[in-house]
Amino acid sequence: MTRLPLLLITIAGLAACSPEPRSSEYFVAHPDEAKRVVADCTAGSHRGQECVNATAGVAAAESAERMKLYKKNF
């Protein structure tokens, strides 16, 4: 029974050390990585705020590309 508290403290410590999620601006600048993260999120192997940020980054990058094509036609 004495190992259980130590295990819980270790798990809590590791969870506190996880890196902050990358921002949506980061994913706009790195569209290939954003698409990979979104695919991982869809598959269920990745989750959390980074999934939200990657999805927003992909949407923003696609929107910027559409706007660029739109402006090119004028």
C-alpha atoms as a PDB file:
ATOM      1  CA  MET A   1       0.000   0.000   0.000  1.00  0.00           C
ATOM      2  CA  THR A   2       2.894   2.391   0.465  1.00  0.00           C
ATOM      3  CA  ARG A   3       3.620   2.399  -3.263  1.00  0.00           C
ATOM      4  CA  LEU A   4       0.238   3.829  -4.256  1.00  0.00           C
ATOM      5  CA  PRO A   5       0.858   7.375  -2.895  1.00  0.00           C
ATOM      6  CA  LEU A   6       4.294   7.420  -4.504  1.00  0.00           C
ATOM      7  CA  LEU A   7       2.797   6.321  -7.813  1.00  0.00           C
ATOM      8  CA  LEU A   8       0.117   9.018  -7.640  1.00  0.00           C
ATOM      9  CA  ILE A   9       2.693  11.695  -6.855  1.00  0.00           C
ATOM     10  CA  THR A  10       4.861  10.528  -9.771  1.00  0.00           C
ATOM     11  CA  ILE A  11       1.926  10.596 -12.194  1.00  0.00           C
ATOM     12  CA  ALA A  12       0.877  14.050 -11.010  1.00  0.00           C
ATOM     13  CA  GLY A  13       4.451  15.280 -11.376  1.00  0.00           C
ATOM     14  CA  LEU A  14       4.732  13.980 -14.923  1.00  0.00           C
ATOM     15  CA  ALA A  15       1.410  15.512 -15.881  1.00  0.00           C
ATOM     16  CA  ALA A  16       2.565  18.883 -14.577  1.00  0.00           C
ATOM     17  CA  CYS A  17       5.688  18.685 -16.740  1.00  0.00           C
ATOM     18  CA  SER A  18       3.862  18.251 -20.037  1.00  0.00           C
ATOM     19  CA  PRO A  19       4.659  21.008 -22.545  1.00  0.00           C
ATOM     20  CA  GLU A  20       2.182  23.756 -23.313  1.00  0.00           C
ATOM     21  CA  PRO A  21       0.106  23.194 -26.450  1.00  0.00           C
ATOM     22  CA  ARG A  22       1.361  24.909 -29.574  1.00  0.00           C
ATOM     23  CA  SER A  23      -0.701  27.894 -30.700  1.00  0.00           C
ATOM     24  CA  SER A  24      -2.886  28.127 -33.775  1.00  0.00           C
ATOM     25  CA  GLU A  25      -0.422  30.694 -35.167  1.00  0.00           C
ATOM     26  CA  TYR A  26       2.302  28.067 -34.932  1.00  0.00           C
ATOM     27  CA  PHE A  27       0.147  25.659 -36.919  1.00  0.00           C
ATOM     28  CA  VAL A  28      -0.629  28.316 -39.545  1.00  0.00           C
ATOM     29  CA  ALA A  29       3.127  28.649 -40.063  1.00  0.00           C
ATOM     30  CA  HIS A  30       3.588  24.836 -40.110  1.00  0.00           C
ATOM     31  CA  PRO A  31       0.642  23.470 -42.128  1.00  0.00           C
ATOM     32  CA  ASP A  32       2.094  19.987 -42.685  1.00  0.00           C
ATOM     33  CA  GLU A  33       2.550  19.480 -38.965  1.00  0.00           C
ATOM     34  CA  ALA A  34      -0.937  20.859 -38.313  1.00  0.00           C
ATOM     35  CA  LYS A  35      -2.461  18.336 -40.719  1.00  0.00           C
ATOM     36  CA  ARG A  36      -0.537  15.533 -39.025  1.00  0.00           C
ATOM     37  CA  VAL A  37      -1.772  16.608 -35.577  1.00  0.00           C
ATOM     38  CA  VAL A  38      -5.365  16.877 -36.839  1.00  0.00           C
ATOM     39  CA  ALA A  39      -5.090  13.357 -38.289  1.00  0.00           C
ATOM     40  CA  ASP A  40      -3.728  12.100 -34.952  1.00  0.00           C
ATOM     41  CA  CYS A  41      -6.597  13.825 -33.137  1.00  0.00           C
ATOM     42  CA  THR A  42      -9.133  12.238 -35.474  1.00  0.00           C
ATOM     43  CA  ALA A  43      -7.544   8.830 -34.879  1.00  0.00           C
ATOM     44  CA  GLY A  44      -7.701   9.418 -31.125  1.00  0.00           C
ATOM     45  CA  SER A  45      -3.964   9.238 -30.477  1.00  0.00           C
ATOM     46  CA  HIS A  46      -3.718  12.963 -29.718  1.00  0.00           C
ATOM     47  CA  ARG A  47      -6.143  15.162 -27.788  1.00  0.00           C
ATOM     48  CA  GLY A  48      -6.510  18.362 -25.854  1.00  0.00           C
ATOM     49  CA  GLN A  49      -6.053  22.027 -26.637  1.00  0.00           C
ATOM     50  CA  GLU A  50      -3.439  21.268 -29.282  1.00  0.00           C
ATOM     51  CA  CYS A  51      -6.134  19.506 -31.341  1.00  0.00           C
ATOM     52  CA  VAL A  52      -8.278  22.627 -31.202  1.00  0.00           C
ATOM     53  CA  ASN A  53      -5.317  24.839 -32.118  1.00  0.00           C
ATOM     54  CA  ALA A  54      -4.217  22.581 -34.983  1.00  0.00           C
ATOM     55  CA  THR A  55      -7.741  22.505 -36.418  1.00  0.00           C
ATOM     56  CA  ALA A  56      -7.939  26.305 -36.206  1.00  0.00           C
ATOM     57  CA  GLY A  57      -4.495  26.587 -37.788  1.00  0.00           C
ATOM     58  CA  VAL A  58      -5.472  24.379 -40.723  1.00  0.00           C
ATOM     59  CA  ALA A  59      -8.690  26.367 -41.230  1.00  0.00           C
ATOM     60  CA  ALA A  60      -6.823  29.689 -41.123  1.00  0.00           C
ATOM     61  CA  ALA A  61      -4.157  28.473 -43.554  1.00  0.00           C
ATOM     62  CA  GLU A  62      -6.809  27.189 -45.980  1.00  0.00           C
ATOM     63  CA  SER A  63      -8.705  30.463 -45.696  1.00  0.00           C
ATOM     64  CA  ALA A  64      -5.551  32.468 -46.411  1.00  0.00           C
ATOM     65  CA  GLU A  65      -4.835  30.294 -49.458  1.00  0.00           C
ATOM     66  CA  ARG A  66      -8.377  30.816 -50.774  1.00  0.00           C
ATOM     67  CA  MET A  67      -8.052  34.578 -50.267  1.00  0.00           C
ATOM     68  CA  LYS A  68      -4.730  34.570 -52.102  1.00  0.00           C
ATOM     69  CA  LEU A  69      -6.330  32.789 -55.069  1.00  0.00           C
ATOM     70  CA  TYR A  70      -9.292  35.170 -54.957  1.00  0.00           C
ATOM     71  CA  LYS A  71      -7.042  38.237 -55.029  1.00  0.00           C
ATOM     72  CA  LYS A  72      -5.003  36.752 -57.854  1.00  0.00           C
ATOM     73  CA  ASN A  73      -8.087  36.770 -60.092  1.00  0.00           C
ATOM     74  CA  PHE A  74      -8.501  40.532 -59.751  1.00  0.00           C
END
